[in-house]
Amino acid sequence: MSARPFRFEPLLNLAEQREEQQTLALASVAAEERAASEALAALEAERERAYARFASSAAPVDASEYLATIAYADRLSREIEAQREVLAAAAVRVAEARGALMEVVRERRSFEHLRDQDEAAALQEEERREASTVDDLNMTRHARRLRGPA
């Protein structure tokens, strides 16, 4: 690493902080999506259990029980549709958060690339100065040899 400071260091630090924030935001919305998916699966499983309880009944079915089961299944179906909308909205938020994170990562990488270029240029300049100093020393030594012993 060169001794001279990177001119965009504050911006690189900011990009790294934004990346951390976006990563946390993505994790949060991904957890929301996972919870919505699990809730949907639970509702669907409950609806299937309700149908299975009704279908497995060996005794004659009472009309009021039949209507209650149908009403319960209908309510579960409405809740399932509402939960599917919640899940779809969560999936959109996850996609948006993922896109925002990718943008911040690209920004951070561009600053890192600039830093690497800056370090390479500084190293090249340092090597050029060292080579110039060595050339000057060699020229002085050669001039002394040509003059002979003092």
Foldseek 3Di string as FASTA:
>chain_A
DDPDDDPCVVVLVVLVVVLVVLVVQLVVLVVQLVVLVVVLVVLVVVLVVLVVVVVPDPDDDDPVNVVVSVVVSVVSVVVNVVSVVSNVVSVVSNVVSVVSSVVSVVVSVVSVVSVVVVVVVSVVVVVVVVVVVVVVVVVVVVVDVVVPDD
